[in-house]
Amino acid sequence: MVRFRAIVLAVLPILAACGVDPGDVAAFERSRILEAVPVGSNYHEAASALVRLGYTCKPGGGTYTDEAGQPAAANEFMKCSSPAIPNELCKLGASVVVLPSPDRVAGIVFKSDYTCH
């Protein structure tokens, strides 16, 4: 299963340039995030789970942008981002904000960054 997922992830940027709906690519990435870091899981293990998916994480607090593009705030959260994967026509990247509720994951805010020239 892991090998299949790795192959799919390697092919996604290529397919995205060939006309795959960016929403489908984002939905697939969102499902990977929620599978790796489900709401209710251990907050302190979330960073290592996301790093295994290729994200870089750092602790934060203050304001962030929610999935609707609106400003939101929390005293503590973890912000993770994936590097933009360029191909001939487009770049695909993503950011994740992991919200704690003391030591558990209370919420995940996922935003995809899909830009085409």
N, C-alpha and C. Protein backbone atom coordinates (compact mmCIF):
# COMPACT_ATOMS: atom_id res chain seq x y z
N MET A 1 0.82 -1.19 0.00
CA MET A 1 0.00 0.00 0.00
C MET A 1 0.86 1.25 0.00
N VAL A 2 1.93 1.25 0.79
CA VAL A 2 2.81 2.42 0.85
C VAL A 2 3.47 2.65 -0.51
N ARG A 3 3.88 1.57 -1.16
CA ARG A 3 4.52 1.69 -2.48
C ARG A 3 3.53 2.28 -3.50
N PHE A 4 2.29 1.82 -3.48
CA PHE A 4 1.27 2.35 -4.37
C PHE A 4 1.09 3.84 -4.15
N ARG A 5 1.01 4.24 -2.88
CA ARG A 5 0.82 5.65 -2.55
C ARG A 5 2.00 6.48 -3.04
N ALA A 6 3.22 5.96 -2.91
CA ALA A 6 4.40 6.67 -3.38
C ALA A 6 4.36 6.86 -4.89
N ILE A 7 3.91 5.84 -5.59
CA ILE A 7 3.80 5.94 -7.05
C ILE A 7 2.74 6.98 -7.44
N VAL A 8 1.61 6.94 -6.76
CA VAL A 8 0.55 7.92 -7.04
C VAL A 8 1.06 9.33 -6.79
N LEU A 9 1.75 9.54 -5.69
CA LEU A 9 2.27 10.88 -5.38
C LEU A 9 3.30 11.34 -6.39
N ALA A 10 4.09 10.44 -6.90
CA ALA A 10 5.09 10.80 -7.91
C ALA A 10 4.42 11.20 -9.22
N VAL A 11 3.29 10.59 -9.52
CA VAL A 11 2.61 10.83 -10.79
C VAL A 11 1.65 12.02 -10.72
N LEU A 12 1.15 12.37 -9.55
CA LEU A 12 0.16 13.43 -9.42
C LEU A 12 0.58 14.75 -10.07
N PRO A 13 1.78 15.26 -9.82
CA PRO A 13 2.14 16.54 -10.46
C PRO A 13 2.13 16.46 -11.98
N ILE A 14 2.51 15.34 -12.52
CA ILE A 14 2.50 15.17 -13.96
C ILE A 14 1.06 15.17 -14.47
N LEU A 15 0.21 14.43 -13.79
CA LEU A 15 -1.20 14.39 -14.18
C LEU A 15 -1.85 15.75 -14.04
N ALA A 16 -1.47 16.49 -13.01
CA ALA A 16 -2.04 17.81 -12.80
C ALA A 16 -1.75 18.71 -14.00
N ALA A 17 -0.58 18.60 -14.57
CA ALA A 17 -0.23 19.41 -15.73
C ALA A 17 -1.00 18.96 -16.96
N CYS A 18 -1.49 17.75 -16.94
CA CYS A 18 -2.21 17.21 -18.10
C CYS A 18 -3.71 17.42 -17.98
N GLY A 19 -4.16 18.16 -17.02
CA GLY A 19 -5.56 18.50 -16.97
C GLY A 19 -6.36 17.89 -15.84
N VAL A 20 -5.76 17.17 -14.93
CA VAL A 20 -6.51 16.66 -13.79
C VAL A 20 -7.01 17.85 -12.98
N ASP A 21 -8.22 17.76 -12.52
CA ASP A 21 -8.81 18.83 -11.73
C ASP A 21 -7.97 19.09 -10.49
N PRO A 22 -7.51 20.33 -10.29
CA PRO A 22 -6.71 20.63 -9.09
C PRO A 22 -7.46 20.29 -7.80
N GLY A 23 -8.77 20.36 -7.83
CA GLY A 23 -9.56 19.99 -6.66
C GLY A 23 -9.41 18.52 -6.31
N ASP A 24 -9.29 17.67 -7.33
CA ASP A 24 -9.08 16.24 -7.09
C ASP A 24 -7.73 15.99 -6.45
N VAL A 25 -6.71 16.70 -6.93
CA VAL A 25 -5.37 16.55 -6.37
C VAL A 25 -5.37 17.02 -4.92
N ALA A 26 -6.01 18.15 -4.66
CA ALA A 26 -6.09 18.68 -3.29
C ALA A 26 -6.87 17.73 -2.39
N ALA A 27 -7.96 17.16 -2.90
CA ALA A 27 -8.76 16.23 -2.10
C ALA A 27 -7.95 14.99 -1.74
N PHE A 28 -7.14 14.51 -2.69
CA PHE A 28 -6.29 13.36 -2.39
C PHE A 28 -5.28 13.71 -1.31
N GLU A 29 -4.65 14.88 -1.41
CA GLU A 29 -3.66 15.29 -0.41
C GLU A 29 -4.31 15.49 0.95
N ARG A 30 -5.50 16.07 0.96
CA ARG A 30 -6.24 16.26 2.21
C ARG A 30 -6.51 14.92 2.88
N SER A 31 -6.90 13.92 2.09
CA SER A 31 -7.20 12.61 2.67
C SER A 31 -5.93 11.97 3.25
N ARG A 32 -4.79 12.19 2.61
CA ARG A 32 -3.52 11.68 3.14
C ARG A 32 -3.23 12.31 4.50
N ILE A 33 -3.46 13.61 4.61
CA ILE A 33 -3.21 14.33 5.86
C ILE A 33 -4.11 13.79 6.96
N LEU A 34 -5.40 13.69 6.68
CA LEU A 34 -6.35 13.23 7.70
C LEU A 34 -6.12 11.77 8.09
N GLU A 35 -5.59 10.98 7.18
CA GLU A 35 -5.26 9.60 7.52
C GLU A 35 -4.03 9.55 8.43
N ALA A 36 -3.05 10.40 8.15
CA ALA A 36 -1.80 10.42 8.93
C ALA A 36 -2.00 11.07 10.30
N VAL A 37 -2.86 12.09 10.35
CA VAL A 37 -3.07 12.85 11.59
C VAL A 37 -4.58 13.02 11.80
N PRO A 38 -5.26 11.98 12.25
CA PRO A 38 -6.70 12.13 12.48
C PRO A 38 -7.00 13.01 13.69
N VAL A 39 -8.13 13.68 13.63
CA VAL A 39 -8.58 14.45 14.78
C VAL A 39 -8.71 13.48 15.95
N GLY A 40 -8.20 13.89 17.10
CA GLY A 40 -8.21 13.06 18.29
C GLY A 40 -6.90 12.32 18.54
N SER A 41 -6.00 12.33 17.54
CA SER A 41 -4.71 11.66 17.72
C SER A 41 -3.78 12.52 18.58
N ASN A 42 -2.66 11.98 18.94
CA ASN A 42 -1.69 12.66 19.81
C ASN A 42 -1.09 13.86 19.08
N TYR A 43 -1.27 15.04 19.64
CA TYR A 43 -0.77 16.28 19.03
C TYR A 43 0.75 16.27 18.89
N HIS A 44 1.43 15.73 19.86
CA HIS A 44 2.90 15.76 19.86
C HIS A 44 3.50 14.80 18.84
N GLU A 45 2.71 13.88 18.32
CA GLU A 45 3.18 12.96 17.27
C GLU A 45 2.79 13.43 15.87
N ALA A 46 2.00 14.49 15.79
CA ALA A 46 1.52 14.96 14.48
C ALA A 46 2.65 15.43 13.58
N ALA A 47 3.62 16.15 14.14
CA ALA A 47 4.72 16.68 13.31
C ALA A 47 5.48 15.54 12.64
N SER A 48 5.82 14.51 13.39
CA SER A 48 6.59 13.42 12.79
C SER A 48 5.76 12.69 11.73
N ALA A 49 4.46 12.58 11.93
CA ALA A 49 3.60 11.95 10.92
C ALA A 49 3.58 12.78 9.64
N LEU A 50 3.53 14.10 9.76
CA LEU A 50 3.52 14.96 8.59
C LEU A 50 4.89 15.04 7.92
N VAL A 51 5.95 14.99 8.71
CA VAL A 51 7.30 14.97 8.13
C VAL A 51 7.47 13.73 7.26
N ARG A 52 6.92 12.61 7.69
CA ARG A 52 7.00 11.39 6.88
C ARG A 52 6.29 11.55 5.54
N LEU A 53 5.34 12.48 5.47
CA LEU A 53 4.63 12.75 4.21
C LEU A 53 5.33 13.83 3.38
N GLY A 54 6.46 14.34 3.88
CA GLY A 54 7.22 15.34 3.13
C GLY A 54 6.99 16.77 3.56
N TYR A 55 6.31 16.98 4.68
CA TYR A 55 6.04 18.32 5.17
C TYR A 55 7.15 18.78 6.11
N THR A 56 7.30 20.08 6.21
CA THR A 56 8.17 20.71 7.19
C THR A 56 7.27 21.40 8.20
N CYS A 57 7.50 21.17 9.49
CA CYS A 57 6.61 21.70 10.52
C CYS A 57 7.36 22.57 11.51
N LYS A 58 6.64 23.57 12.03
CA LYS A 58 7.19 24.39 13.10
C LYS A 58 6.05 24.85 14.01
N PRO A 59 6.33 25.00 15.30
CA PRO A 59 5.29 25.45 16.22
C PRO A 59 4.96 26.91 15.96
N GLY A 60 3.75 27.27 16.29
CA GLY A 60 3.34 28.66 16.11
C GLY A 60 2.20 29.01 17.04
N GLY A 61 1.74 30.19 16.89
CA GLY A 61 0.61 30.71 17.65
C GLY A 61 0.25 32.06 17.07
N GLY A 62 -0.98 32.49 17.29
CA GLY A 62 -1.41 33.77 16.75
C GLY A 62 -2.43 33.55 15.64
N THR A 63 -2.22 34.24 14.53
CA THR A 63 -3.21 34.16 13.45
C THR A 63 -2.77 33.19 12.35
N TYR A 64 -3.75 32.65 11.69
CA TYR A 64 -3.56 31.79 10.52
C TYR A 64 -4.79 31.99 9.63
N THR A 65 -4.76 31.46 8.45
CA THR A 65 -5.89 31.57 7.54
C THR A 65 -6.64 30.24 7.52
N ASP A 66 -7.96 30.30 7.73
CA ASP A 66 -8.73 29.06 7.73
C ASP A 66 -9.00 28.59 6.30
N GLU A 67 -9.69 27.48 6.16
CA GLU A 67 -9.91 26.90 4.84
C GLU A 67 -10.80 27.75 3.95
N ALA A 68 -11.58 28.63 4.55
CA ALA A 68 -12.43 29.53 3.77
C ALA A 68 -11.70 30.81 3.38
N GLY A 69 -10.41 30.91 3.78
CA GLY A 69 -9.63 32.10 3.47
C GLY A 69 -9.80 33.22 4.47
N GLN A 70 -10.44 32.94 5.58
CA GLN A 70 -10.69 33.95 6.60
C GLN A 70 -9.63 33.89 7.69
N PRO A 71 -9.31 35.03 8.29
CA PRO A 71 -8.34 35.00 9.40
C PRO A 71 -8.93 34.30 10.61
N ALA A 72 -8.10 33.54 11.29
CA ALA A 72 -8.48 32.85 12.52
C ALA A 72 -7.29 32.96 13.47
N ALA A 73 -7.51 32.66 14.73
CA ALA A 73 -6.44 32.78 15.71
C ALA A 73 -6.51 31.64 16.72
N ALA A 74 -5.33 31.28 17.21
CA ALA A 74 -5.21 30.27 18.27
C ALA A 74 -3.93 30.57 19.04
N ASN A 75 -3.95 30.33 20.33
CA ASN A 75 -2.76 30.56 21.15
C ASN A 75 -1.61 29.65 20.74
N GLU A 76 -1.95 28.44 20.30
CA GLU A 76 -0.93 27.47 19.92
C GLU A 76 -1.42 26.67 18.72
N PHE A 77 -0.54 26.41 17.80
CA PHE A 77 -0.80 25.51 16.69
C PHE A 77 0.53 25.10 16.07
N MET A 78 0.46 24.16 15.17
CA MET A 78 1.65 23.76 14.44
C MET A 78 1.36 24.02 12.97
N LYS A 79 2.27 24.72 12.30
CA LYS A 79 2.10 25.02 10.88
C LYS A 79 3.08 24.17 10.09
N CYS A 80 2.56 23.46 9.12
CA CYS A 80 3.37 22.57 8.28
C CYS A 80 3.13 22.93 6.82
N SER A 81 4.17 22.78 6.03
CA SER A 81 4.02 23.05 4.60
C SER A 81 4.81 22.03 3.80
N SER A 82 4.31 21.79 2.61
CA SER A 82 5.02 20.90 1.69
C SER A 82 5.65 21.79 0.63
N PRO A 83 6.78 21.37 0.14
CA PRO A 83 7.40 22.18 -0.92
C PRO A 83 6.54 22.13 -2.17
N ALA A 84 6.52 23.25 -2.89
CA ALA A 84 5.79 23.27 -4.16
C ALA A 84 6.53 22.36 -5.14
N ILE A 85 5.79 21.48 -5.76
CA ILE A 85 6.36 20.55 -6.73
C ILE A 85 6.09 21.13 -8.12
N PRO A 86 7.13 21.67 -8.76
CA PRO A 86 6.90 22.25 -10.10
C PRO A 86 6.89 21.19 -11.18
N ASN A 87 6.14 21.45 -12.21
CA ASN A 87 6.24 20.67 -13.44
C ASN A 87 6.14 21.66 -14.59
N GLU A 88 5.90 21.21 -15.78
CA GLU A 88 5.94 22.09 -16.93
C GLU A 88 4.95 23.25 -16.85
N LEU A 89 3.77 23.01 -16.33
CA LEU A 89 2.73 24.04 -16.36
C LEU A 89 2.32 24.57 -14.99
N CYS A 90 2.44 23.76 -13.96
CA CYS A 90 1.86 24.12 -12.67
C CYS A 90 2.79 23.79 -11.51
N LYS A 91 2.45 24.38 -10.34
CA LYS A 91 3.12 24.05 -9.09
C LYS A 91 2.05 23.63 -8.10
N LEU A 92 2.34 22.57 -7.36
CA LEU A 92 1.40 22.09 -6.35
C LEU A 92 2.11 22.08 -5.01
N GLY A 93 1.54 22.73 -4.04
CA GLY A 93 2.04 22.72 -2.67
C GLY A 93 0.86 22.71 -1.72
N ALA A 94 1.12 22.58 -0.45
CA ALA A 94 0.03 22.56 0.53
C ALA A 94 0.55 23.03 1.87
N SER A 95 -0.36 23.57 2.67
CA SER A 95 -0.02 23.92 4.05
C SER A 95 -1.09 23.34 4.96
N VAL A 96 -0.66 23.02 6.16
CA VAL A 96 -1.53 22.40 7.15
C VAL A 96 -1.32 23.11 8.48
N VAL A 97 -2.39 23.47 9.14
CA VAL A 97 -2.33 23.97 10.51
C VAL A 97 -2.98 22.91 11.39
N VAL A 98 -2.22 22.45 12.37
CA VAL A 98 -2.73 21.44 13.31
C VAL A 98 -3.06 22.16 14.61
N LEU A 99 -4.31 22.07 15.02
CA LEU A 99 -4.79 22.75 16.22
C LEU A 99 -4.88 21.77 17.38
N PRO A 100 -4.29 22.13 18.53
CA PRO A 100 -4.33 21.21 19.67
C PRO A 100 -5.51 21.46 20.61
N SER A 101 -5.85 20.43 21.35
CA SER A 101 -6.78 20.54 22.46
C SER A 101 -6.22 19.64 23.54
N PRO A 102 -5.71 20.14 24.54
CA PRO A 102 -4.42 20.01 25.19
C PRO A 102 -3.40 19.13 24.47
N ASP A 103 -3.51 17.82 24.58
CA ASP A 103 -2.48 16.97 23.97
C ASP A 103 -3.00 16.19 22.77
N ARG A 104 -4.16 16.53 22.31
CA ARG A 104 -4.79 15.83 21.18
C ARG A 104 -4.97 16.80 20.02
N VAL A 105 -5.11 16.26 18.83
CA VAL A 105 -5.39 17.08 17.66
C VAL A 105 -6.88 17.43 17.68
N ALA A 106 -7.16 18.73 17.78
CA ALA A 106 -8.54 19.20 17.82
C ALA A 106 -9.08 19.51 16.43
N GLY A 107 -8.17 19.85 15.51
CA GLY A 107 -8.61 20.20 14.17
C GLY A 107 -7.44 20.29 13.21
N ILE A 108 -7.74 20.15 11.95
CA ILE A 108 -6.76 20.25 10.87
C ILE A 108 -7.29 21.28 9.88
N VAL A 109 -6.46 22.25 9.54
CA VAL A 109 -6.81 23.24 8.52
C VAL A 109 -5.89 22.96 7.33
N PHE A 110 -6.46 22.58 6.21
CA PHE A 110 -5.69 22.24 5.02
C PHE A 110 -5.94 23.28 3.94
N LYS A 111 -4.87 23.74 3.33
CA LYS A 111 -4.98 24.66 2.19
C LYS A 111 -4.02 24.21 1.11
N SER A 112 -4.54 24.05 -0.10
CA SER A 112 -3.65 23.69 -1.20
C SER A 112 -3.21 24.96 -1.91
N ASP A 113 -2.04 24.89 -2.48
CA ASP A 113 -1.50 26.00 -3.26
C ASP A 113 -1.20 25.44 -4.64
N TYR A 114 -2.10 25.69 -5.55
CA TYR A 114 -2.00 25.14 -6.89
C TYR A 114 -1.99 26.32 -7.86
N THR A 115 -0.86 26.57 -8.50
CA THR A 115 -0.77 27.69 -9.42
C THR A 115 -0.28 27.20 -10.78
N CYS A 116 -0.87 27.73 -11.80
CA CYS A 116 -0.47 27.37 -13.17
C CYS A 116 -0.10 28.65 -13.93
N HIS A 117 0.84 28.51 -14.85
CA HIS A 117 1.29 29.65 -15.65
C HIS A 117 0.39 29.79 -16.86
